[in-house]
C-alpha atoms as a PDB file:
ATOM      1  CA  UNK A   1      27.814  14.499 -18.982  1.00  0.00           C
ATOM      2  CA  UNK A   2      24.980  16.682 -19.328  1.00  0.00           C
ATOM      3  CA  UNK A   3      22.695  17.239 -22.444  1.00  0.00           C
ATOM      4  CA  UNK A   4      23.253  15.184 -25.402  1.00  0.00           C
ATOM      5  CA  UNK A   5      22.136  16.274 -28.714  1.00  0.00           C
ATOM      6  CA  UNK A   6      19.252  15.771 -29.922  1.00  0.00           C
ATOM      7  CA  UNK A   7      19.398  12.865 -32.692  1.00  0.00           C
ATOM      8  CA  UNK A   8      18.827  13.957 -36.020  1.00  0.00           C
ATOM      9  CA  UNK A   9      15.285  13.648 -37.677  1.00  0.00           C
ATOM     10  CA  UNK A  10      13.442  13.391 -34.515  1.00  0.00           C
ATOM     11  CA  UNK A  11      12.123  16.308 -33.530  1.00  0.00           C
ATOM     12  CA  UNK A  12      10.350  16.833 -30.307  1.00  0.00           C
ATOM     13  CA  UNK A  13       7.394  18.095 -31.875  1.00  0.00           C
ATOM     14  CA  UNK A  14       6.663  14.731 -32.569  1.00  0.00           C
ATOM     15  CA  UNK A  15       6.288  14.094 -28.901  1.00  0.00           C
ATOM     16  CA  UNK A  16       4.260  16.561 -28.019  1.00  0.00           C
ATOM     17  CA  UNK A  17       2.323  15.870 -30.629  1.00  0.00           C
ATOM     18  CA  UNK A  18       1.725  12.467 -28.937  1.00  0.00           C
ATOM     19  CA  UNK A  19       1.350  13.729 -25.698  1.00  0.00           C
ATOM     20  CA  UNK A  20      -1.558  15.778 -26.533  1.00  0.00           C
ATOM     21  CA  UNK A  21      -3.275  12.883 -28.774  1.00  0.00           C
ATOM     22  CA  UNK A  22      -2.810  11.013 -24.888  1.00  0.00           C
ATOM     23  CA  UNK A  23      -4.765  13.987 -23.603  1.00  0.00           C
ATOM     24  CA  UNK A  24      -7.407  13.745 -26.042  1.00  0.00           C
ATOM     25  CA  UNK A  25      -7.576   9.997 -26.110  1.00  0.00           C
ATOM     26  CA  UNK A  26      -7.986  10.245 -22.508  1.00  0.00           C
ATOM     27  CA  UNK A  27      -9.347  13.442 -21.073  1.00  0.00           C
ATOM     28  CA  UNK A  28      -6.768  13.431 -18.648  1.00  0.00           C
ATOM     29  CA  UNK A  29      -3.109  15.070 -17.777  1.00  0.00           C
ATOM     30  CA  UNK A  30      -4.241  18.699 -19.603  1.00  0.00           C
ATOM     31  CA  UNK A  31      -2.223  20.337 -16.817  1.00  0.00           C
ATOM     32  CA  UNK A  32       1.556  18.231 -18.075  1.00  0.00           C
ATOM     33  CA  UNK A  33       3.758  19.811 -20.525  1.00  0.00           C
ATOM     34  CA  UNK A  34       7.038  18.118 -21.863  1.00  0.00           C
ATOM     35  CA  UNK A  35      10.439  18.180 -21.752  1.00  0.00           C
ATOM     36  CA  UNK A  36      11.841  16.087 -23.947  1.00  0.00           C
ATOM     37  CA  UNK A  37      15.878  16.466 -22.298  1.00  0.00           C
ATOM     38  CA  UNK A  38      18.151  13.600 -24.114  1.00  0.00           C
ATOM     39  CA  UNK A  39      20.524  12.004 -21.451  1.00  0.00           C
ATOM     40  CA  UNK A  40      21.925   8.871 -21.655  1.00  0.00           C
ATOM     41  CA  UNK A  41      23.872   8.501 -18.770  1.00  0.00           C
ATOM     42  CA  UNK A  42      20.389   9.256 -16.030  1.00  0.00           C
ATOM     43  CA  UNK A  43      19.573   6.497 -14.414  1.00  0.00           C
ATOM     44  CA  UNK A  44      15.673   7.006 -15.419  1.00  0.00           C
ATOM     45  CA  UNK A  45      14.036   6.880 -19.132  1.00  0.00           C
ATOM     46  CA  UNK A  46      11.136   9.623 -17.539  1.00  0.00           C
ATOM     47  CA  UNK A  47      10.068  10.507 -14.968  1.00  0.00           C
ATOM     48  CA  UNK A  48       7.101  13.667 -13.990  1.00  0.00           C
ATOM     49  CA  UNK A  49       7.663  16.606 -11.442  1.00  0.00           C
ATOM     50  CA  UNK A  50       4.959  18.814 -10.851  1.00  0.00           C
ATOM     51  CA  UNK A  51       3.536  19.415 -14.046  1.00  0.00           C
ATOM     52  CA  UNK A  52       6.339  18.607 -16.054  1.00  0.00           C
ATOM     53  CA  UNK A  53       6.941  15.432 -18.171  1.00  0.00           C
ATOM     54  CA  UNK A  54      10.907  14.504 -18.710  1.00  0.00           C
ATOM     55  CA  UNK A  55      11.428  12.514 -20.930  1.00  0.00           C
ATOM     56  CA  UNK A  56      14.941  11.551 -21.404  1.00  0.00           C
ATOM     57  CA  UNK A  57      15.972   8.729 -23.879  1.00  0.00           C
ATOM     58  CA  UNK A  58      17.293  10.330 -26.680  1.00  0.00           C
ATOM     59  CA  UNK A  59      16.564   7.239 -29.411  1.00  0.00           C
ATOM     60  CA  UNK A  60      12.927   8.531 -30.967  1.00  0.00           C
ATOM     61  CA  UNK A  61      11.205   5.012 -30.475  1.00  0.00           C
ATOM     62  CA  UNK A  62      12.256   4.649 -26.775  1.00  0.00           C
ATOM     63  CA  UNK A  63      11.515   8.567 -25.987  1.00  0.00           C
ATOM     64  CA  UNK A  64       7.821   7.450 -27.201  1.00  0.00           C
ATOM     65  CA  UNK A  65       7.592   4.809 -24.690  1.00  0.00           C
ATOM     66  CA  UNK A  66       8.741   6.479 -21.724  1.00  0.00           C
ATOM     67  CA  UNK A  67       6.311   9.042 -22.592  1.00  0.00           C
ATOM     68  CA  UNK A  68       3.446   6.443 -22.738  1.00  0.00           C
ATOM     69  CA  UNK A  69       4.568   5.153 -19.773  1.00  0.00           C
ATOM     70  CA  UNK A  70       5.473   8.337 -17.789  1.00  0.00           C
ATOM     71  CA  UNK A  71       1.565   9.438 -18.907  1.00  0.00           C
ATOM     72  CA  UNK A  72      -0.522   5.743 -17.519  1.00  0.00           C
ATOM     73  CA  UNK A  73       1.708   6.543 -13.990  1.00  0.00           C
ATOM     74  CA  UNK A  74       0.928   9.744 -13.229  1.00  0.00           C
ATOM     75  CA  UNK A  75      -2.831   9.445 -14.097  1.00  0.00           C
ATOM     76  CA  UNK A  76      -3.079   5.572 -12.459  1.00  0.00           C
ATOM     77  CA  UNK A  77      -0.700   8.102  -9.408  1.00  0.00           C
ATOM     78  CA  UNK A  78      -3.514  10.615  -9.549  1.00  0.00           C
ATOM     79  CA  UNK A  79      -6.252   8.188  -8.612  1.00  0.00           C
ATOM     80  CA  UNK A  80      -4.113   6.668  -5.560  1.00  0.00           C
ATOM     81  CA  UNK A  81      -2.929  10.226  -4.201  1.00  0.00           C
ATOM     82  CA  UNK A  82      -6.257  10.903  -1.846  1.00  0.00           C
ATOM     83  CA  UNK A  83      -5.308   7.494  -0.609  1.00  0.00           C
ATOM     84  CA  UNK A  84      -1.561   8.719  -0.245  1.00  0.00           C
ATOM     85  CA  UNK A  85      -2.620  11.772   1.160  1.00  0.00           C
ATOM     86  CA  UNK A  86      -4.868  10.508   4.045  1.00  0.00           C
ATOM     87  CA  UNK A  87      -1.760   7.544   5.140  1.00  0.00           C
ATOM     88  CA  UNK A  88       0.393  10.637   5.444  1.00  0.00           C
ATOM     89  CA  UNK A  89      -1.787  12.407   7.712  1.00  0.00           C
ATOM     90  CA  UNK A  90      -2.795   9.159  10.072  1.00  0.00           C
ATOM     91  CA  UNK A  91       1.230   7.764  10.047  1.00  0.00           C
ATOM     92  CA  UNK A  92       1.888  11.702  11.458  1.00  0.00           C
ATOM     93  CA  UNK A  93      -1.128  12.308  13.406  1.00  0.00           C
ATOM     94  CA  UNK A  94      -0.115   8.701  15.232  1.00  0.00           C
ATOM     95  CA  UNK A  95       3.410   9.317  15.054  1.00  0.00           C
ATOM     96  CA  UNK A  96       2.443  12.936  17.355  1.00  0.00           C
ATOM     97  CA  UNK A  97       0.493  10.792  19.992  1.00  0.00           C
ATOM     98  CA  UNK A  98       2.923   8.013  20.127  1.00  0.00           C
ATOM     99  CA  UNK A  99       5.991  10.858  20.593  1.00  0.00           C
ATOM    100  CA  UNK A 100       3.309  12.783  23.564  1.00  0.00           C
ATOM    101  CA  UNK A 101       2.905   8.998  25.366  1.00  0.00           C
ATOM    102  CA  UNK A 102       6.903   8.560  25.038  1.00  0.00           C
ATOM    103  CA  UNK A 103       7.230  11.971  27.040  1.00  0.00           C
ATOM    104  CA  UNK A 104       5.485  10.723  29.420  1.00  0.00           C
ATOM    105  CA  UNK A 105       6.771   7.980  30.173  1.00  0.00           C
ATOM    106  CA  UNK A 106      10.606   9.785  30.229  1.00  0.00           C
ATOM    107  CA  UNK A 107       8.510  12.005  31.901  1.00  0.00           C
ATOM    108  CA  UNK A 108       8.142   9.542  34.726  1.00  0.00           C
ATOM    109  CA  UNK A 109      11.207   7.766  34.725  1.00  0.00           C
ATOM    110  CA  UNK A 110      13.029  11.040  35.730  1.00  0.00           C
ATOM    111  CA  UNK A 111      10.932  11.593  38.086  1.00  0.00           C
ATOM    112  CA  UNK A 112      11.410   8.189  39.800  1.00  0.00           C
ATOM    113  CA  UNK A 113      15.202   8.350  39.359  1.00  0.00           C
ATOM    114  CA  UNK A 114      14.864  11.491  41.655  1.00  0.00           C
ATOM    115  CA  UNK A 115      13.002  10.197  44.058  1.00  0.00           C
ATOM    116  CA  UNK A 116      14.696   9.840  47.824  1.00  0.00           C
ATOM    117  CA  UNK A 117      14.414   6.655  48.698  1.00  0.00           C
END
């Protein structure tokens, strides 16, 4: 397991150049850095963590495809990020309200059970 040696004949600067080309063409993703870490035993071909686009494919052609896929996925995800944030805040508010309601019911039931009949 662990990192595999990078394939001979394929240079990571080609992936760097492709990422820079994608940034220029789209005007997006300028904050992204590239990390090419071939790992054929990894379940993922690539992913973006924080501001780093990881490519795990060892094969050069596949690495290019993964780079493009992950770049586009990242850009599209930026468009829906505000909806995710609002949805998460709404879920927190609903959870807080549901917890307060549950606590009121538990307190009422506890009083009921403790009442003399």
